[in-house]
Amino acid sequence: MTTTSDLIDKVASATQLGHDDVKSMLAAMSEAILGFCTELDAVAVPGFGTFTPVKTDELIVTDAATGSRTLLPPRVEVRFKSSVVLRKKFIG
């Protein structure tokens, strides 16, 4: 599995940027995507894919064994769908 450090090394060598610059850019991109998805806005990156937030409402679940009820808070899950361009690059 590729680590964040491996990704930073690869992008730094491909762009001739320093490791600190690449690390800052990746952090800024992650924060931007997180910020938009928190507001339930999808983020499309041309040639790469789309990050789509999906909100799940709160839910009350009942434990079958004890009968106790628990309230699960609402949550936002981010789904990623790769672009056709990216998929074609993998296929060849």
N, C-alpha and C. Protein backbone atom coordinates (compact mmCIF):
# COMPACT_ATOMS: atom_id res chain seq x y z
N MET A 1 0.85 -1.17 0.00
CA MET A 1 0.00 0.00 0.00
C MET A 1 0.90 1.24 0.00
N THR A 2 0.52 2.20 -0.80
CA THR A 2 1.28 3.44 -0.89
C THR A 2 0.98 4.33 0.31
N THR A 3 2.04 4.90 0.86
CA THR A 3 1.87 5.80 2.00
C THR A 3 1.81 7.24 1.51
N THR A 4 1.43 8.14 2.41
CA THR A 4 1.41 9.57 2.07
C THR A 4 2.79 10.04 1.69
N SER A 5 3.79 9.55 2.37
CA SER A 5 5.17 9.92 2.06
C SER A 5 5.55 9.50 0.64
N ASP A 6 5.12 8.30 0.22
CA ASP A 6 5.38 7.83 -1.15
C ASP A 6 4.71 8.75 -2.17
N LEU A 7 3.47 9.14 -1.88
CA LEU A 7 2.74 10.04 -2.78
C LEU A 7 3.44 11.39 -2.88
N ILE A 8 3.88 11.93 -1.76
CA ILE A 8 4.59 13.21 -1.75
C ILE A 8 5.87 13.11 -2.57
N ASP A 9 6.62 12.02 -2.39
CA ASP A 9 7.86 11.82 -3.15
C ASP A 9 7.59 11.77 -4.65
N LYS A 10 6.55 11.04 -5.04
CA LYS A 10 6.22 10.89 -6.46
C LYS A 10 5.81 12.22 -7.09
N VAL A 11 4.95 12.97 -6.40
CA VAL A 11 4.49 14.26 -6.93
C VAL A 11 5.64 15.26 -6.95
N ALA A 12 6.47 15.24 -5.93
CA ALA A 12 7.61 16.16 -5.87
C ALA A 12 8.57 15.91 -7.03
N SER A 13 8.84 14.66 -7.33
CA SER A 13 9.77 14.36 -8.43
C SER A 13 9.13 14.67 -9.79
N ALA A 14 7.83 14.49 -9.92
CA ALA A 14 7.16 14.77 -11.20
C ALA A 14 7.00 16.26 -11.46
N THR A 15 6.92 17.06 -10.42
CA THR A 15 6.67 18.50 -10.58
C THR A 15 7.88 19.37 -10.30
N GLN A 16 8.96 18.78 -9.84
CA GLN A 16 10.17 19.52 -9.47
C GLN A 16 9.91 20.50 -8.32
N LEU A 17 8.94 20.21 -7.49
CA LEU A 17 8.65 21.02 -6.30
C LEU A 17 9.28 20.35 -5.09
N GLY A 18 9.47 21.13 -4.03
CA GLY A 18 10.02 20.59 -2.80
C GLY A 18 8.98 19.76 -2.05
N HIS A 19 9.48 18.87 -1.20
CA HIS A 19 8.58 18.01 -0.43
C HIS A 19 7.63 18.83 0.45
N ASP A 20 8.14 19.89 1.05
CA ASP A 20 7.29 20.71 1.92
C ASP A 20 6.18 21.40 1.12
N ASP A 21 6.51 21.85 -0.10
CA ASP A 21 5.50 22.48 -0.95
C ASP A 21 4.40 21.50 -1.33
N VAL A 22 4.80 20.29 -1.73
CA VAL A 22 3.83 19.27 -2.12
C VAL A 22 2.98 18.87 -0.92
N LYS A 23 3.62 18.71 0.22
CA LYS A 23 2.89 18.33 1.44
C LYS A 23 1.84 19.39 1.78
N SER A 24 2.21 20.67 1.65
CA SER A 24 1.28 21.76 1.92
C SER A 24 0.12 21.78 0.93
N MET A 25 0.43 21.54 -0.35
CA MET A 25 -0.62 21.52 -1.37
C MET A 25 -1.60 20.36 -1.15
N LEU A 26 -1.09 19.19 -0.81
CA LEU A 26 -1.97 18.04 -0.55
C LEU A 26 -2.85 18.29 0.67
N ALA A 27 -2.28 18.90 1.70
CA ALA A 27 -3.06 19.22 2.90
C ALA A 27 -4.14 20.24 2.58
N ALA A 28 -3.79 21.25 1.77
CA ALA A 28 -4.77 22.27 1.39
C ALA A 28 -5.88 21.67 0.54
N MET A 29 -5.54 20.77 -0.36
CA MET A 29 -6.55 20.12 -1.20
C MET A 29 -7.48 19.26 -0.35
N SER A 30 -6.91 18.51 0.58
CA SER A 30 -7.73 17.67 1.47
C SER A 30 -8.69 18.52 2.30
N GLU A 31 -8.19 19.62 2.83
CA GLU A 31 -9.03 20.51 3.63
C GLU A 31 -10.14 21.14 2.79
N ALA A 32 -9.81 21.51 1.56
CA ALA A 32 -10.82 22.11 0.67
C ALA A 32 -11.92 21.10 0.35
N ILE A 33 -11.54 19.87 0.00
CA ILE A 33 -12.53 18.84 -0.30
C ILE A 33 -13.38 18.55 0.93
N LEU A 34 -12.74 18.45 2.09
CA LEU A 34 -13.47 18.21 3.33
C LEU A 34 -14.45 19.34 3.62
N GLY A 35 -14.00 20.58 3.41
CA GLY A 35 -14.86 21.73 3.65
C GLY A 35 -16.10 21.74 2.76
N PHE A 36 -15.90 21.49 1.47
CA PHE A 36 -17.04 21.46 0.55
C PHE A 36 -17.99 20.31 0.88
N CYS A 37 -17.43 19.13 1.17
CA CYS A 37 -18.27 17.96 1.48
C CYS A 37 -19.02 18.14 2.79
N THR A 38 -18.43 18.86 3.74
CA THR A 38 -19.12 19.15 5.00
C THR A 38 -20.37 19.99 4.74
N GLU A 39 -20.30 20.85 3.72
CA GLU A 39 -21.44 21.68 3.33
C GLU A 39 -22.36 20.95 2.35
N LEU A 40 -22.11 19.64 2.15
CA LEU A 40 -22.88 18.78 1.26
C LEU A 40 -22.78 19.19 -0.21
N ASP A 41 -21.64 19.77 -0.59
CA ASP A 41 -21.37 20.11 -1.99
C ASP A 41 -20.41 19.08 -2.56
N ALA A 42 -20.71 18.58 -3.77
CA ALA A 42 -19.82 17.64 -4.44
C ALA A 42 -18.62 18.39 -5.01
N VAL A 43 -17.50 17.69 -5.12
CA VAL A 43 -16.28 18.27 -5.67
C VAL A 43 -15.84 17.42 -6.85
N ALA A 44 -15.80 18.04 -8.04
CA ALA A 44 -15.36 17.35 -9.25
C ALA A 44 -13.96 17.81 -9.62
N VAL A 45 -13.07 16.86 -9.81
CA VAL A 45 -11.70 17.15 -10.24
C VAL A 45 -11.57 16.57 -11.65
N PRO A 46 -11.58 17.44 -12.68
CA PRO A 46 -11.54 16.95 -14.06
C PRO A 46 -10.36 16.02 -14.31
N GLY A 47 -10.65 14.91 -14.97
CA GLY A 47 -9.61 13.93 -15.26
C GLY A 47 -9.28 13.01 -14.12
N PHE A 48 -9.86 13.24 -12.95
CA PHE A 48 -9.58 12.41 -11.77
C PHE A 48 -10.84 11.75 -11.24
N GLY A 49 -11.85 12.56 -10.87
CA GLY A 49 -13.08 11.99 -10.36
C GLY A 49 -13.88 12.98 -9.55
N THR A 50 -14.95 12.47 -8.92
CA THR A 50 -15.87 13.31 -8.15
C THR A 50 -16.02 12.76 -6.74
N PHE A 51 -15.92 13.67 -5.77
CA PHE A 51 -16.16 13.34 -4.37
C PHE A 51 -17.58 13.82 -4.05
N THR A 52 -18.46 12.89 -3.66
CA THR A 52 -19.86 13.22 -3.42
C THR A 52 -20.22 12.90 -1.96
N PRO A 53 -20.69 13.92 -1.21
CA PRO A 53 -21.11 13.65 0.16
C PRO A 53 -22.51 13.04 0.19
N VAL A 54 -22.71 12.07 1.08
CA VAL A 54 -24.01 11.44 1.26
C VAL A 54 -24.33 11.50 2.75
N LYS A 55 -25.42 12.21 3.08
CA LYS A 55 -25.79 12.38 4.48
C LYS A 55 -26.73 11.26 4.91
N THR A 56 -26.43 10.68 6.07
CA THR A 56 -27.30 9.67 6.69
C THR A 56 -27.95 10.31 7.90
N ASP A 57 -29.27 10.26 7.97
CA ASP A 57 -29.97 10.85 9.10
C ASP A 57 -29.72 10.07 10.38
N GLU A 58 -30.06 10.71 11.51
CA GLU A 58 -29.91 10.00 12.79
C GLU A 58 -30.83 8.80 12.80
N LEU A 59 -30.47 7.81 13.59
CA LEU A 59 -31.18 6.55 13.58
C LEU A 59 -31.22 5.98 14.99
N ILE A 60 -32.33 5.43 15.36
CA ILE A 60 -32.46 4.75 16.67
C ILE A 60 -32.39 3.25 16.40
N VAL A 61 -31.42 2.59 17.04
CA VAL A 61 -31.27 1.15 16.89
C VAL A 61 -31.56 0.48 18.22
N THR A 62 -32.11 -0.71 18.14
CA THR A 62 -32.45 -1.47 19.34
C THR A 62 -31.59 -2.73 19.38
N ASP A 63 -30.92 -2.94 20.51
CA ASP A 63 -30.12 -4.14 20.71
C ASP A 63 -31.07 -5.31 20.91
N ALA A 64 -30.95 -6.33 20.07
CA ALA A 64 -31.85 -7.47 20.14
C ALA A 64 -31.71 -8.25 21.45
N ALA A 65 -30.51 -8.31 21.98
CA ALA A 65 -30.28 -9.10 23.19
C ALA A 65 -30.80 -8.40 24.44
N THR A 66 -30.53 -7.10 24.57
CA THR A 66 -30.88 -6.39 25.81
C THR A 66 -32.13 -5.54 25.69
N GLY A 67 -32.50 -5.20 24.45
CA GLY A 67 -33.66 -4.34 24.26
C GLY A 67 -33.35 -2.86 24.45
N SER A 68 -32.10 -2.54 24.74
CA SER A 68 -31.74 -1.13 24.93
C SER A 68 -31.72 -0.42 23.59
N ARG A 69 -32.10 0.86 23.62
CA ARG A 69 -32.14 1.66 22.41
C ARG A 69 -30.99 2.67 22.42
N THR A 70 -30.40 2.87 21.26
CA THR A 70 -29.28 3.79 21.13
C THR A 70 -29.55 4.73 19.96
N LEU A 71 -29.27 6.01 20.16
CA LEU A 71 -29.42 6.99 19.10
C LEU A 71 -28.08 7.16 18.39
N LEU A 72 -28.06 6.85 17.10
CA LEU A 72 -26.86 7.07 16.30
C LEU A 72 -26.98 8.45 15.66
N PRO A 73 -25.96 9.29 15.80
CA PRO A 73 -26.04 10.65 15.26
C PRO A 73 -26.00 10.65 13.73
N PRO A 74 -26.42 11.75 13.11
CA PRO A 74 -26.31 11.83 11.65
C PRO A 74 -24.83 11.86 11.26
N ARG A 75 -24.55 11.45 10.04
CA ARG A 75 -23.16 11.45 9.57
C ARG A 75 -23.13 11.76 8.08
N VAL A 76 -21.97 12.17 7.63
CA VAL A 76 -21.75 12.44 6.22
C VAL A 76 -20.65 11.50 5.74
N GLU A 77 -20.97 10.72 4.73
CA GLU A 77 -20.02 9.80 4.13
C GLU A 77 -19.63 10.39 2.78
N VAL A 78 -18.36 10.33 2.42
CA VAL A 78 -17.90 10.84 1.14
C VAL A 78 -17.61 9.66 0.22
N ARG A 79 -18.28 9.67 -0.93
CA ARG A 79 -18.06 8.62 -1.93
C ARG A 79 -17.26 9.19 -3.08
N PHE A 80 -16.39 8.38 -3.64
CA PHE A 80 -15.55 8.81 -4.76
C PHE A 80 -15.89 7.99 -5.99
N LYS A 81 -16.09 8.68 -7.11
CA LYS A 81 -16.29 7.99 -8.39
C LYS A 81 -15.23 8.51 -9.34
N SER A 82 -14.41 7.61 -9.85
CA SER A 82 -13.33 8.02 -10.75
C SER A 82 -13.89 8.45 -12.10
N SER A 83 -13.15 9.34 -12.75
CA SER A 83 -13.59 9.82 -14.06
C SER A 83 -13.31 8.76 -15.12
N VAL A 84 -13.94 8.90 -16.26
CA VAL A 84 -13.73 7.99 -17.37
C VAL A 84 -12.27 8.06 -17.83
N VAL A 85 -11.71 9.26 -17.83
CA VAL A 85 -10.31 9.44 -18.24
C VAL A 85 -9.38 8.63 -17.34
N LEU A 86 -9.58 8.69 -16.05
CA LEU A 86 -8.75 7.94 -15.11
C LEU A 86 -8.93 6.43 -15.29
N ARG A 87 -10.17 6.00 -15.45
CA ARG A 87 -10.42 4.56 -15.66
C ARG A 87 -9.76 4.06 -16.93
N LYS A 88 -9.79 4.87 -18.01
CA LYS A 88 -9.16 4.46 -19.26
C LYS A 88 -7.64 4.36 -19.12
N LYS A 89 -7.05 5.21 -18.28
CA LYS A 89 -5.60 5.14 -18.05
C LYS A 89 -5.22 3.82 -17.38
N PHE A 90 -6.09 3.31 -16.50
CA PHE A 90 -5.81 2.05 -15.84
C PHE A 90 -5.98 0.87 -16.78
N ILE A 91 -6.98 0.98 -17.66
CA ILE A 91 -7.26 -0.13 -18.58
C ILE A 91 -6.21 -0.19 -19.68
N GLY A 92 -5.78 0.97 -20.13
CA GLY A 92 -4.72 1.01 -21.14
C GLY A 92 -5.16 1.40 -22.50
